[in-house]
Amino acid sequence: GFDKHSSSISAATGAIVLLDRNDRVAASWSFAKLIDHWKR
């Protein structure tokens, strides 16, 4: 959910994710969780 070409968030449900070799989400941090924390 992050567009690296425009350096902008492209999806409200975006997240930082860790994927295993089967594309299973091992852990994730939603942008919604991190945005307020970072700015504050």
Full PDB file with SEQRES, HELIX, SHEET, SSBOND, CRYST1, ORIGX, SCALE, CONECT and MASTER records, all heavy atoms in Angstrom:
SEQRES   1 A   40  GLY PHE ASP LYS HIS SER SER SER ILE SER ALA ALA THR          
SEQRES   2 A   40  GLY ALA ILE VAL LEU LEU ASP ARG ASN ASP ARG VAL ALA          
SEQRES   3 A   40  ALA SER TRP SER PHE ALA LYS LEU ILE ASP HIS TRP LYS          
SEQRES   4 A   40  ARG                                                          
HELIX    1 AA1 PHE A   31  LYS A   39  1                                   9    
SHEET    1 AA1 2 PHE A   2  ASP A   3  0                                        
SHEET    2 AA1 2 SER A   8  ILE A   9 -1                                        
SHEET    1 AA2 2 ALA A  15  LEU A  19  0                                        
SHEET    2 AA2 2 VAL A  25  SER A  30 -1                                        
CRYST1    1.000    1.000    1.000  90.00  90.00  90.00 P 1           1          
ORIGX1      1.000000  0.000000  0.000000        0.00000                         
ORIGX2      0.000000  1.000000  0.000000        0.00000                         
ORIGX3      0.000000  0.000000  1.000000        0.00000                         
SCALE1      1.000000  0.000000  0.000000        0.00000                         
SCALE2      0.000000  1.000000  0.000000        0.00000                         
SCALE3      0.000000  0.000000  1.000000        0.00000                         
ATOM      1  N   GLY A   1       0.799  -1.221   0.000  1.00  0.00           N  
ATOM      2  CA  GLY A   1       0.000   0.000   0.000  1.00  0.00           C  
ATOM      3  C   GLY A   1       0.827   1.265   0.000  1.00  0.00           C  
ATOM      4  O   GLY A   1       0.340   2.333   0.373  1.00  0.00           O  
ATOM      5  N   PHE A   2       2.106   1.157  -0.434  1.00  0.00           N  
ATOM      6  CA  PHE A   2       2.973   2.331  -0.548  1.00  0.00           C  
ATOM      7  C   PHE A   2       3.518   2.392  -1.974  1.00  0.00           C  
ATOM      8  O   PHE A   2       4.082   1.418  -2.478  1.00  0.00           O  
ATOM      9  CB  PHE A   2       4.123   2.258   0.444  1.00  0.00           C  
ATOM     10  CG  PHE A   2       5.085   3.420   0.358  1.00  0.00           C  
ATOM     11  CD1 PHE A   2       4.708   4.671   0.809  1.00  0.00           C  
ATOM     12  CD2 PHE A   2       6.358   3.261  -0.176  1.00  0.00           C  
ATOM     13  CE1 PHE A   2       5.589   5.754   0.730  1.00  0.00           C  
ATOM     14  CE2 PHE A   2       7.240   4.322  -0.258  1.00  0.00           C  
ATOM     15  CZ  PHE A   2       6.846   5.575   0.193  1.00  0.00           C  
ATOM     16  N   ASP A   3       3.314   3.529  -2.626  1.00  0.00           N  
ATOM     17  CA  ASP A   3       3.777   3.736  -3.996  1.00  0.00           C  
ATOM     18  C   ASP A   3       5.174   4.345  -3.950  1.00  0.00           C  
ATOM     19  O   ASP A   3       5.344   5.526  -3.625  1.00  0.00           O  
ATOM     20  CB  ASP A   3       2.814   4.659  -4.736  1.00  0.00           C  
ATOM     21  CG  ASP A   3       3.159   4.807  -6.220  1.00  0.00           C  
ATOM     22  OD1 ASP A   3       4.321   4.527  -6.592  1.00  0.00           O  
ATOM     23  OD2 ASP A   3       2.276   5.207  -6.994  1.00  0.00           O  
ATOM     24  N   LYS A   4       6.188   3.553  -4.280  1.00  0.00           N  
ATOM     25  CA  LYS A   4       7.562   4.039  -4.179  1.00  0.00           C  
ATOM     26  C   LYS A   4       7.891   5.088  -5.233  1.00  0.00           C  
ATOM     27  O   LYS A   4       8.829   5.872  -5.066  1.00  0.00           O  
ATOM     28  CB  LYS A   4       8.543   2.870  -4.275  1.00  0.00           C  
ATOM     29  CG  LYS A   4       8.526   2.108  -5.583  1.00  0.00           C  
ATOM     30  CD  LYS A   4       9.504   0.938  -5.527  1.00  0.00           C  
ATOM     31  CE  LYS A   4       9.496   0.134  -6.811  1.00  0.00           C  
ATOM     32  NZ  LYS A   4      10.423  -1.026  -6.740  1.00  0.00           N  
ATOM     33  N   HIS A   5       7.130   5.127  -6.327  1.00  0.00           N  
ATOM     34  CA  HIS A   5       7.403   6.102  -7.384  1.00  0.00           C  
ATOM     35  C   HIS A   5       6.963   7.508  -6.976  1.00  0.00           C  
ATOM     36  O   HIS A   5       7.643   8.493  -7.280  1.00  0.00           O  
ATOM     37  CB  HIS A   5       6.712   5.682  -8.676  1.00  0.00           C  
ATOM     38  CG  HIS A   5       7.147   4.331  -9.173  1.00  0.00           C  
ATOM     39  ND1 HIS A   5       8.426   4.086  -9.629  1.00  0.00           N  
ATOM     40  CD2 HIS A   5       6.468   3.141  -9.271  1.00  0.00           C  
ATOM     41  CE1 HIS A   5       8.539   2.812  -9.982  1.00  0.00           C  
ATOM     42  NE2 HIS A   5       7.364   2.223  -9.785  1.00  0.00           N  
ATOM     43  N   SER A   6       5.832   7.587  -6.278  1.00  0.00           N  
ATOM     44  CA  SER A   6       5.346   8.894  -5.829  1.00  0.00           C  
ATOM     45  C   SER A   6       5.649   9.150  -4.355  1.00  0.00           C  
ATOM     46  O   SER A   6       5.350  10.226  -3.834  1.00  0.00           O  
ATOM     47  CB  SER A   6       3.835   9.001  -6.056  1.00  0.00           C  
ATOM     48  OG  SER A   6       3.140   8.023  -5.287  1.00  0.00           O  
ATOM     49  N   SER A   7       6.244   8.157  -3.696  1.00  0.00           N  
ATOM     50  CA  SER A   7       6.559   8.250  -2.255  1.00  0.00           C  
ATOM     51  C   SER A   7       5.325   8.615  -1.443  1.00  0.00           C  
ATOM     52  O   SER A   7       5.357   9.498  -0.590  1.00  0.00           O  
ATOM     53  CB  SER A   7       7.682   9.267  -2.008  1.00  0.00           C  
ATOM     54  OG  SER A   7       8.872   8.840  -2.624  1.00  0.00           O  
ATOM     55  N   SER A   8       4.231   7.929  -1.720  1.00  0.00           N  
ATOM     56  CA  SER A   8       2.981   8.226  -1.018  1.00  0.00           C  
ATOM     57  C   SER A   8       2.232   6.937  -0.696  1.00  0.00           C  
ATOM     58  O   SER A   8       2.416   5.905  -1.360  1.00  0.00           O  
ATOM     59  CB  SER A   8       2.095   9.150  -1.858  1.00  0.00           C  
ATOM     60  OG  SER A   8       1.743   8.512  -3.072  1.00  0.00           O  
ATOM     61  N   ILE A   9       1.373   7.010   0.305  1.00  0.00           N  
ATOM     62  CA  ILE A   9       0.537   5.876   0.680  1.00  0.00           C  
ATOM     63  C   ILE A   9      -0.584   5.743  -0.338  1.00  0.00           C  
ATOM     64  O   ILE A   9      -1.299   6.709  -0.617  1.00  0.00           O  
ATOM     65  CB  ILE A   9      -0.024   6.070   2.102  1.00  0.00           C  
ATOM     66  CG1 ILE A   9       1.129   6.025   3.125  1.00  0.00           C  
ATOM     67  CG2 ILE A   9      -1.068   5.010   2.438  1.00  0.00           C  
ATOM     68  CD1 ILE A   9       0.724   6.389   4.535  1.00  0.00           C  
ATOM     69  N   SER A  10      -0.737   4.554  -0.893  1.00  0.00           N  
ATOM     70  CA  SER A  10      -1.734   4.338  -1.942  1.00  0.00           C  
ATOM     71  C   SER A  10      -2.949   3.545  -1.461  1.00  0.00           C  
ATOM     72  O   SER A  10      -3.910   3.391  -2.199  1.00  0.00           O  
ATOM     73  CB  SER A  10      -1.094   3.599  -3.128  1.00  0.00           C  
ATOM     74  OG  SER A  10      -0.518   2.370  -2.706  1.00  0.00           O  
ATOM     75  N   ALA A  11      -2.895   3.028  -0.215  1.00  0.00           N  
ATOM     76  CA  ALA A  11      -4.019   2.246   0.315  1.00  0.00           C  
ATOM     77  C   ALA A  11      -4.157   2.513   1.803  1.00  0.00           C  
ATOM     78  O   ALA A  11      -3.181   2.431   2.552  1.00  0.00           O  
ATOM     79  CB  ALA A  11      -3.812   0.755   0.066  1.00  0.00           C  
ATOM     80  N   ALA A  12      -5.382   2.828   2.214  1.00  0.00           N  
ATOM     81  CA  ALA A  12      -5.637   3.115   3.629  1.00  0.00           C  
ATOM     82  C   ALA A  12      -5.379   1.899   4.504  1.00  0.00           C  
ATOM     83  O   ALA A  12      -5.104   2.028   5.694  1.00  0.00           O  
ATOM     84  CB  ALA A  12      -7.070   3.595   3.809  1.00  0.00           C  
ATOM     85  N   THR A  13      -5.465   0.704   3.900  1.00  0.00           N  
ATOM     86  CA  THR A  13      -5.245  -0.531   4.655  1.00  0.00           C  
ATOM     87  C   THR A  13      -3.791  -0.999   4.549  1.00  0.00           C  
ATOM     88  O   THR A  13      -3.495  -2.153   4.848  1.00  0.00           O  
ATOM     89  CB  THR A  13      -6.160  -1.648   4.131  1.00  0.00           C  
ATOM     90  OG1 THR A  13      -5.953  -1.805   2.716  1.00  0.00           O  
ATOM     91  CG2 THR A  13      -7.624  -1.305   4.385  1.00  0.00           C  
ATOM     92  N   GLY A  14      -2.903  -0.125   4.121  1.00  0.00           N  
ATOM     93  CA  GLY A  14      -1.505  -0.488   3.924  1.00  0.00           C  
ATOM     94  C   GLY A  14      -0.818  -0.915   5.204  1.00  0.00           C  
ATOM     95  O   GLY A  14      -1.278  -0.620   6.321  1.00  0.00           O  
ATOM     96  N   ALA A  15       0.318  -1.618   5.049  1.00  0.00           N  
ATOM     97  CA  ALA A  15       1.034  -2.133   6.209  1.00  0.00           C  
ATOM     98  C   ALA A  15       2.472  -2.481   5.851  1.00  0.00           C  
ATOM     99  O   ALA A  15       2.808  -2.718   4.684  1.00  0.00           O  
ATOM    100  CB  ALA A  15       0.328  -3.377   6.754  1.00  0.00           C  
ATOM    101  N   ILE A  16       3.316  -2.496   6.856  1.00  0.00           N  
ATOM    102  CA  ILE A  16       4.639  -3.091   6.767  1.00  0.00           C  
ATOM    103  C   ILE A  16       4.461  -4.565   7.116  1.00  0.00           C  
ATOM    104  O   ILE A  16       3.923  -4.892   8.173  1.00  0.00           O  
ATOM    105  CB  ILE A  16       5.615  -2.429   7.754  1.00  0.00           C  
ATOM    106  CG1 ILE A  16       5.762  -0.931   7.455  1.00  0.00           C  
ATOM    107  CG2 ILE A  16       6.970  -3.103   7.713  1.00  0.00           C  
ATOM    108  CD1 ILE A  16       6.507  -0.163   8.538  1.00  0.00           C  
ATOM    109  N   VAL A  17       4.870  -5.464   6.227  1.00  0.00           N  
ATOM    110  CA  VAL A  17       4.621  -6.883   6.456  1.00  0.00           C  
ATOM    111  C   VAL A  17       5.911  -7.690   6.324  1.00  0.00           C  
ATOM    112  O   VAL A  17       6.821  -7.327   5.574  1.00  0.00           O  
ATOM    113  CB  VAL A  17       3.552  -7.456   5.492  1.00  0.00           C  
ATOM    114  CG1 VAL A  17       2.239  -6.715   5.638  1.00  0.00           C  
ATOM    115  CG2 VAL A  17       4.032  -7.407   4.052  1.00  0.00           C  
ATOM    116  N   LEU A  18       5.967  -8.781   7.072  1.00  0.00           N  
ATOM    117  CA  LEU A  18       7.011  -9.788   6.926  1.00  0.00           C  
ATOM    118  C   LEU A  18       6.358 -11.031   6.330  1.00  0.00           C  
ATOM    119  O   LEU A  18       5.444 -11.610   6.932  1.00  0.00           O  
ATOM    120  CB  LEU A  18       7.627 -10.133   8.288  1.00  0.00           C  
ATOM    121  CG  LEU A  18       8.642  -9.154   8.881  1.00  0.00           C  
ATOM    122  CD1 LEU A  18       9.014  -9.586  10.299  1.00  0.00           C  
ATOM    123  CD2 LEU A  18       9.892  -9.066   8.014  1.00  0.00           C  
ATOM    124  N   LEU A  19       6.820 -11.434   5.147  1.00  0.00           N  
ATOM    125  CA  LEU A  19       6.248 -12.583   4.452  1.00  0.00           C  
ATOM    126  C   LEU A  19       7.229 -13.746   4.483  1.00  0.00           C  
ATOM    127  O   LEU A  19       8.443 -13.558   4.309  1.00  0.00           O  
ATOM    128  CB  LEU A  19       5.949 -12.231   2.991  1.00  0.00           C  
ATOM    129  CG  LEU A  19       4.890 -11.156   2.726  1.00  0.00           C  
ATOM    130  CD1 LEU A  19       4.807 -10.878   1.228  1.00  0.00           C  
ATOM    131  CD2 LEU A  19       3.532 -11.579   3.259  1.00  0.00           C  
ATOM    132  N   ASP A  20       6.685 -14.973   4.674  1.00  0.00           N  
ATOM    133  CA  ASP A  20       7.550 -16.142   4.560  1.00  0.00           C  
ATOM    134  C   ASP A  20       7.582 -16.614   3.111  1.00  0.00           C  
ATOM    135  O   ASP A  20       6.995 -15.990   2.216  1.00  0.00           O  
ATOM    136  CB  ASP A  20       7.120 -17.242   5.536  1.00  0.00           C  
ATOM    137  CG  ASP A  20       5.756 -17.847   5.231  1.00  0.00           C  
ATOM    138  OD1 ASP A  20       5.247 -17.655   4.111  1.00  0.00           O  
ATOM    139  OD2 ASP A  20       5.211 -18.530   6.118  1.00  0.00           O  
ATOM    140  N   ARG A  21       8.252 -17.736   2.867  1.00  0.00           N  
ATOM    141  CA  ARG A  21       8.440 -18.197   1.485  1.00  0.00           C  
ATOM    142  C   ARG A  21       7.148 -18.676   0.844  1.00  0.00           C  
ATOM    143  O   ARG A  21       7.072 -18.834  -0.372  1.00  0.00           O  
ATOM    144  CB  ARG A  21       9.498 -19.304   1.464  1.00  0.00           C  
ATOM    145  CG  ARG A  21      10.914 -18.769   1.652  1.00  0.00           C  
ATOM    146  CD  ARG A  21      11.936 -19.865   1.785  1.00  0.00           C  
ATOM    147  NE  ARG A  21      11.787 -20.585   3.054  1.00  0.00           N  
ATOM    148  CZ  ARG A  21      12.644 -21.516   3.492  1.00  0.00           C  
ATOM    149  NH1 ARG A  21      13.700 -21.827   2.762  1.00  0.00           N  
ATOM    150  NH2 ARG A  21      12.457 -22.121   4.644  1.00  0.00           N  
ATOM    151  N   ASN A  22       6.106 -18.895   1.665  1.00  0.00           N  
ATOM    152  CA  ASN A  22       4.784 -19.276   1.133  1.00  0.00           C  
ATOM    153  C   ASN A  22       3.836 -18.084   1.062  1.00  0.00           C  
ATOM    154  O   ASN A  22       2.626 -18.255   0.928  1.00  0.00           O  
ATOM    155  CB  ASN A  22       4.177 -20.378   1.997  1.00  0.00           C  
ATOM    156  CG  ASN A  22       5.017 -21.646   1.991  1.00  0.00           C  
ATOM    157  OD1 ASN A  22       5.484 -22.072   0.939  1.00  0.00           O  
ATOM    158  ND2 ASN A  22       5.214 -22.232   3.167  1.00  0.00           N  
ATOM    159  N   ASP A  23       4.402 -16.876   1.183  1.00  0.00           N  
ATOM    160  CA  ASP A  23       3.636 -15.620   1.171  1.00  0.00           C  
ATOM    161  C   ASP A  23       2.640 -15.530   2.319  1.00  0.00           C  
ATOM    162  O   ASP A  23       1.638 -14.817   2.241  1.00  0.00           O  
ATOM    163  CB  ASP A  23       2.911 -15.424  -0.170  1.00  0.00           C  
ATOM    164  CG  ASP A  23       3.873 -15.008  -1.273  1.00  0.00           C  
ATOM    165  OD1 ASP A  23       4.945 -14.462  -0.947  1.00  0.00           O  
ATOM    166  OD2 ASP A  23       3.556 -15.246  -2.449  1.00  0.00           O  
ATOM    167  N   ARG A  24       2.917 -16.235   3.391  1.00  0.00           N  
ATOM    168  CA  ARG A  24       2.105 -16.099   4.594  1.00  0.00           C  
ATOM    169  C   ARG A  24       2.629 -14.914   5.395  1.00  0.00           C  
ATOM    170  O   ARG A  24       3.845 -14.701   5.498  1.00  0.00           O  
ATOM    171  CB  ARG A  24       2.201 -17.375   5.436  1.00  0.00           C  
ATOM    172  CG  ARG A  24       1.323 -17.362   6.680  1.00  0.00           C  
ATOM    173  CD  ARG A  24       1.551 -18.621   7.519  1.00  0.00           C  
ATOM    174  NE  ARG A  24       0.605 -18.682   8.624  1.00  0.00           N  
ATOM    175  CZ  ARG A  24       0.658 -19.586   9.594  1.00  0.00           C  
ATOM    176  NH1 ARG A  24       1.600 -20.535   9.572  1.00  0.00           N  
ATOM    177  NH2 ARG A  24      -0.226 -19.590  10.568  1.00  0.00           N  
ATOM    178  N   VAL A  25       1.714 -14.123   5.961  1.00  0.00           N  
ATOM    179  CA  VAL A  25       2.114 -12.955   6.749  1.00  0.00           C  
ATOM    180  C   VAL A  25       2.566 -13.432   8.137  1.00  0.00           C  
ATOM    181  O   VAL A  25       1.755 -13.875   8.954  1.00  0.00           O  
ATOM    182  CB  VAL A  25       0.971 -11.937   6.874  1.00  0.00           C  
ATOM    183  CG1 VAL A  25       1.412 -10.758   7.734  1.00  0.00           C  
ATOM    184  CG2 VAL A  25       0.545 -11.444   5.494  1.00  0.00           C  
ATOM    185  N   ALA A  26       3.855 -13.335   8.381  1.00  0.00           N  
ATOM    186  CA  ALA A  26       4.397 -13.738   9.681  1.00  0.00           C  
ATOM    187  C   ALA A  26       4.135 -12.663  10.738  1.00  0.00           C  
ATOM    188  O   ALA A  26       3.833 -12.969  11.899  1.00  0.00           O  
ATOM    189  CB  ALA A  26       5.893 -14.001   9.558  1.00  0.00           C  
ATOM    190  N   ALA A  27       4.245 -11.402  10.340  1.00  0.00           N  
ATOM    191  CA  ALA A  27       3.979 -10.274  11.242  1.00  0.00           C  
ATOM    192  C   ALA A  27       3.704  -9.049  10.390  1.00  0.00           C  
ATOM    193  O   ALA A  27       4.203  -8.940   9.266  1.00  0.00           O  
ATOM    194  CB  ALA A  27       5.165 -10.026  12.173  1.00  0.00           C  
ATOM    195  N   SER A  28       2.911  -8.139  10.913  1.00  0.00           N  
ATOM    196  CA  SER A  28       2.628  -6.912  10.167  1.00  0.00           C  
ATOM    197  C   SER A  28       2.324  -5.764  11.115  1.00  0.00           C  
ATOM    198  O   SER A  28       1.883  -5.973  12.250  1.00  0.00           O  
ATOM    199  CB  SER A  28       1.459  -7.115   9.194  1.00  0.00           C  
ATOM    200  OG  SER A  28       0.247  -7.337   9.891  1.00  0.00           O  
ATOM    201  N   TRP A  29       2.583  -4.572  10.627  1.00  0.00           N  
ATOM    202  CA  TRP A  29       2.303  -3.331  11.353  1.00  0.00           C  
ATOM    203  C   TRP A  29       1.482  -2.447  10.411  1.00  0.00           C  
ATOM    204  O   TRP A  29       1.985  -2.004   9.367  1.00  0.00           O  
ATOM    205  CB  TRP A  29       3.588  -2.593  11.718  1.00  0.00           C  
ATOM    206  CG  TRP A  29       4.494  -3.325  12.652  1.00  0.00           C  
ATOM    207  CD1 TRP A  29       4.656  -3.118  13.987  1.00  0.00           C  
ATOM    208  CD2 TRP A  29       5.432  -4.371  12.305  1.00  0.00           C  
ATOM    209  NE1 TRP A  29       5.611  -3.972  14.498  1.00  0.00           N  
ATOM    210  CE2 TRP A  29       6.100  -4.751  13.493  1.00  0.00           C  
ATOM    211  CE3 TRP A  29       5.759  -5.019  11.113  1.00  0.00           C  
ATOM    212  CZ2 TRP A  29       7.069  -5.745  13.513  1.00  0.00           C  
ATOM    213  CZ3 TRP A  29       6.717  -6.018  11.138  1.00  0.00           C  
ATOM    214  CH2 TRP A  29       7.357  -6.374  12.324  1.00  0.00           C  
ATOM    215  N   SER A  30       0.244  -2.183  10.748  1.00  0.00           N  
ATOM    216  CA  SER A  30      -0.599  -1.372   9.863  1.00  0.00           C  
ATOM    217  C   SER A  30      -0.117   0.074   9.863  1.00  0.00           C  
ATOM    218  O   SER A  30       0.359   0.589  10.883  1.00  0.00           O  
ATOM    219  CB  SER A  30      -2.056  -1.433  10.322  1.00  0.00           C  
ATOM    220  OG  SER A  30      -2.223  -0.799  11.573  1.00  0.00           O  
ATOM    221  N   PHE A  31      -0.233   0.722   8.699  1.00  0.00           N  
ATOM    222  CA  PHE A  31       0.104   2.144   8.621  1.00  0.00           C  
ATOM    223  C   PHE A  31      -0.719   2.948   9.626  1.00  0.00           C  
ATOM    224  O   PHE A  31      -0.216   3.888  10.239  1.00  0.00           O  
ATOM    225  CB  PHE A  31      -0.138   2.678   7.205  1.00  0.00           C  
ATOM    226  CG  PHE A  31       0.801   2.143   6.165  1.00  0.00           C  
ATOM    227  CD1 PHE A  31       0.542   2.335   4.806  1.00  0.00           C  
ATOM    228  CD2 PHE A  31       1.953   1.452   6.510  1.00  0.00           C  
ATOM    229  CE1 PHE A  31       1.412   1.852   3.834  1.00  0.00           C  
ATOM    230  CE2 PHE A  31       2.828   0.960   5.547  1.00  0.00           C  
ATOM    231  CZ  PHE A  31       2.543   1.160   4.201  1.00  0.00           C  
ATOM    232  N   ALA A  32      -1.984   2.555   9.788  1.00  0.00           N  
ATOM    233  CA  ALA A  32      -2.873   3.288  10.705  1.00  0.00           C  
ATOM    234  C   ALA A  32      -2.306   3.281  12.124  1.00  0.00           C  
ATOM    235  O   ALA A  32      -2.414   4.274  12.854  1.00  0.00           O  
ATOM    236  CB  ALA A  32      -4.267   2.680  10.681  1.00  0.00           C  
ATOM    237  N   LYS A  33      -1.687   2.149  12.529  1.00  0.00           N  
ATOM    238  CA  LYS A  33      -1.099   2.051  13.870  1.00  0.00           C  
ATOM    239  C   LYS A  33       0.130   2.948  14.000  1.00  0.00           C  
ATOM    240  O   LYS A  33       0.349   3.578  15.041  1.00  0.00           O  
ATOM    241  CB  LYS A  33      -0.719   0.595  14.154  1.00  0.00           C  
ATOM    242  CG  LYS A  33       0.091   0.381  15.440  1.00  0.00           C  
ATOM    243  CD  LYS A  33       0.584  -1.061  15.524  1.00  0.00           C  
ATOM    244  CE  LYS A  33       1.536  -1.257  16.705  1.00  0.00           C  
ATOM    245  NZ  LYS A  33       0.854  -1.341  17.995  1.00  0.00           N  
ATOM    246  N   LEU A  34       0.915   3.024  12.917  1.00  0.00           N  
ATOM    247  CA  LEU A  34       2.211   3.674  13.008  1.00  0.00           C  
ATOM    248  C   LEU A  34       2.183   5.173  12.730  1.00  0.00           C  
ATOM    249  O   LEU A  34       3.015   5.917  13.254  1.00  0.00           O  
ATOM    250  CB  LEU A  34       3.191   3.005  12.035  1.00  0.00           C  
ATOM    251  CG  LEU A  34       3.491   1.517  12.290  1.00  0.00           C  
ATOM    252  CD1 LEU A  34       4.425   1.000  11.213  1.00  0.00           C  
ATOM    253  CD2 LEU A  34       4.091   1.311  13.668  1.00  0.00           C  
ATOM    254  N   ILE A  35       1.243   5.624  11.895  1.00  0.00           N  
ATOM    255  CA  ILE A  35       1.234   7.031  11.476  1.00  0.00           C  
ATOM    256  C   ILE A  35       1.141   7.965  12.671  1.00  0.00           C  
ATOM    257  O   ILE A  35       1.943   8.888  12.832  1.00  0.00           O  
ATOM    258  CB  ILE A  35       0.080   7.307  10.483  1.00  0.00           C  
ATOM    259  CG1 ILE A  35       0.408   6.712   9.116  1.00  0.00           C  
ATOM    260  CG2 ILE A  35      -0.171   8.805  10.343  1.00  0.00           C  
ATOM    261  CD1 ILE A  35      -0.746   6.792   8.124  1.00  0.00           C  
ATOM    262  N   ASP A  36       0.147   7.744  13.525  1.00  0.00           N  
ATOM    263  CA  ASP A  36      -0.068   8.644  14.668  1.00  0.00           C  
ATOM    264  C   ASP A  36       1.124   8.575  15.619  1.00  0.00           C  
ATOM    265  O   ASP A  36       1.589   9.600  16.113  1.00  0.00           O  
ATOM    266  CB  ASP A  36      -1.358   8.269  15.388  1.00  0.00           C  
ATOM    267  CG  ASP A  36      -1.687   9.235  16.510  1.00  0.00           C  
ATOM    268  OD1 ASP A  36      -1.783  10.440  16.239  1.00  0.00           O  
ATOM    269  OD2 ASP A  36      -1.832   8.778  17.661  1.00  0.00           O  
ATOM    270  N   HIS A  37       1.626   7.362  15.849  1.00  0.00           N  
ATOM    271  CA  HIS A  37       2.778   7.175  16.727  1.00  0.00           C  
ATOM    272  C   HIS A  37       3.983   7.960  16.212  1.00  0.00           C  
ATOM    273  O   HIS A  37       4.651   8.667  16.972  1.00  0.00           O  
ATOM    274  CB  HIS A  37       3.105   5.680  16.809  1.00  0.00           C  
ATOM    275  CG  HIS A  37       4.327   5.367  17.622  1.00  0.00           C  
ATOM    276  ND1 HIS A  37       4.262   4.996  18.943  1.00  0.00           N  
ATOM    277  CD2 HIS A  37       5.648   5.381  17.303  1.00  0.00           C  
ATOM    278  CE1 HIS A  37       5.482   4.792  19.401  1.00  0.00           C  
ATOM    279  NE2 HIS A  37       6.344   5.012  18.423  1.00  0.00           N  
ATOM    280  N   TRP A  38       4.246   7.859  14.918  1.00  0.00           N  
ATOM    281  CA  TRP A  38       5.412   8.521  14.343  1.00  0.00           C  
ATOM    282  C   TRP A  38       5.299  10.042  14.424  1.00  0.00           C  
ATOM    283  O   TRP A  38       6.234  10.726  14.857  1.00  0.00           O  
ATOM    284  CB  TRP A  38       5.602   8.079  12.888  1.00  0.00           C  
ATOM    285  CG  TRP A  38       6.727   8.798  12.216  1.00  0.00           C  
ATOM    286  CD1 TRP A  38       6.645   9.798  11.296  1.00  0.00           C  
ATOM    287  CD2 TRP A  38       8.126   8.591  12.449  1.00  0.00           C  
ATOM    288  NE1 TRP A  38       7.895  10.223  10.929  1.00  0.00           N  
ATOM    289  CE2 TRP A  38       8.822   9.500  11.621  1.00  0.00           C  
ATOM    290  CE3 TRP A  38       8.853   7.721  13.264  1.00  0.00           C  
ATOM    291  CZ2 TRP A  38      10.212   9.567  11.604  1.00  0.00           C  
ATOM    292  CZ3 TRP A  38      10.237   7.798  13.234  1.00  0.00           C  
ATOM    293  CH2 TRP A  38      10.900   8.703  12.415  1.00  0.00           C  
ATOM    294  N   LYS A  39       4.163  10.569  14.020  1.00  0.00           N  
ATOM    295  CA  LYS A  39       3.998  12.030  14.009  1.00  0.00           C  
ATOM    296  C   LYS A  39       4.034  12.597  15.427  1.00  0.00           C  
ATOM    297  O   LYS A  39       4.585  13.675  15.663  1.00  0.00           O  
ATOM    298  CB  LYS A  39       2.698  12.409  13.316  1.00  0.00           C  
ATOM    299  CG  LYS A  39       2.720  12.195  11.810  1.00  0.00           C  
ATOM    300  CD  LYS A  39       1.388  12.522  11.170  1.00  0.00           C  
ATOM    301  CE  LYS A  39       1.067  13.986  11.253  1.00  0.00           C  
ATOM    302  NZ  LYS A  39      -0.207  14.322  10.589  1.00  0.00           N  
ATOM    303  N   ARG A  40       3.426  11.871  16.367  1.00  0.00           N  
ATOM    304  CA  ARG A  40       3.366  12.377  17.739  1.00  0.00           C  
ATOM    305  C   ARG A  40       4.744  12.340  18.400  1.00  0.00           C  
ATOM    306  O   ARG A  40       5.132  13.267  19.104  1.00  0.00           O  
ATOM    307  CB  ARG A  40       2.366  11.546  18.543  1.00  0.00           C  
ATOM    308  CG  ARG A  40       2.095  12.090  19.949  1.00  0.00           C  
ATOM    309  CD  ARG A  40       0.885  11.417  20.567  1.00  0.00           C  
ATOM    310  NE  ARG A  40       1.109   9.992  20.798  1.00  0.00           N  
ATOM    311  CZ  ARG A  40       0.445   9.026  20.187  1.00  0.00           C  
ATOM    312  NH1 ARG A  40      -0.459   9.327  19.267  1.00  0.00           N  
ATOM    313  NH2 ARG A  40       0.686   7.764  20.456  1.00  0.00           N  
TER     314      ARG A  40                                                      
MASTER        0    0    0    1    4    0    0    6  313    1    0    4          
END                                                                             
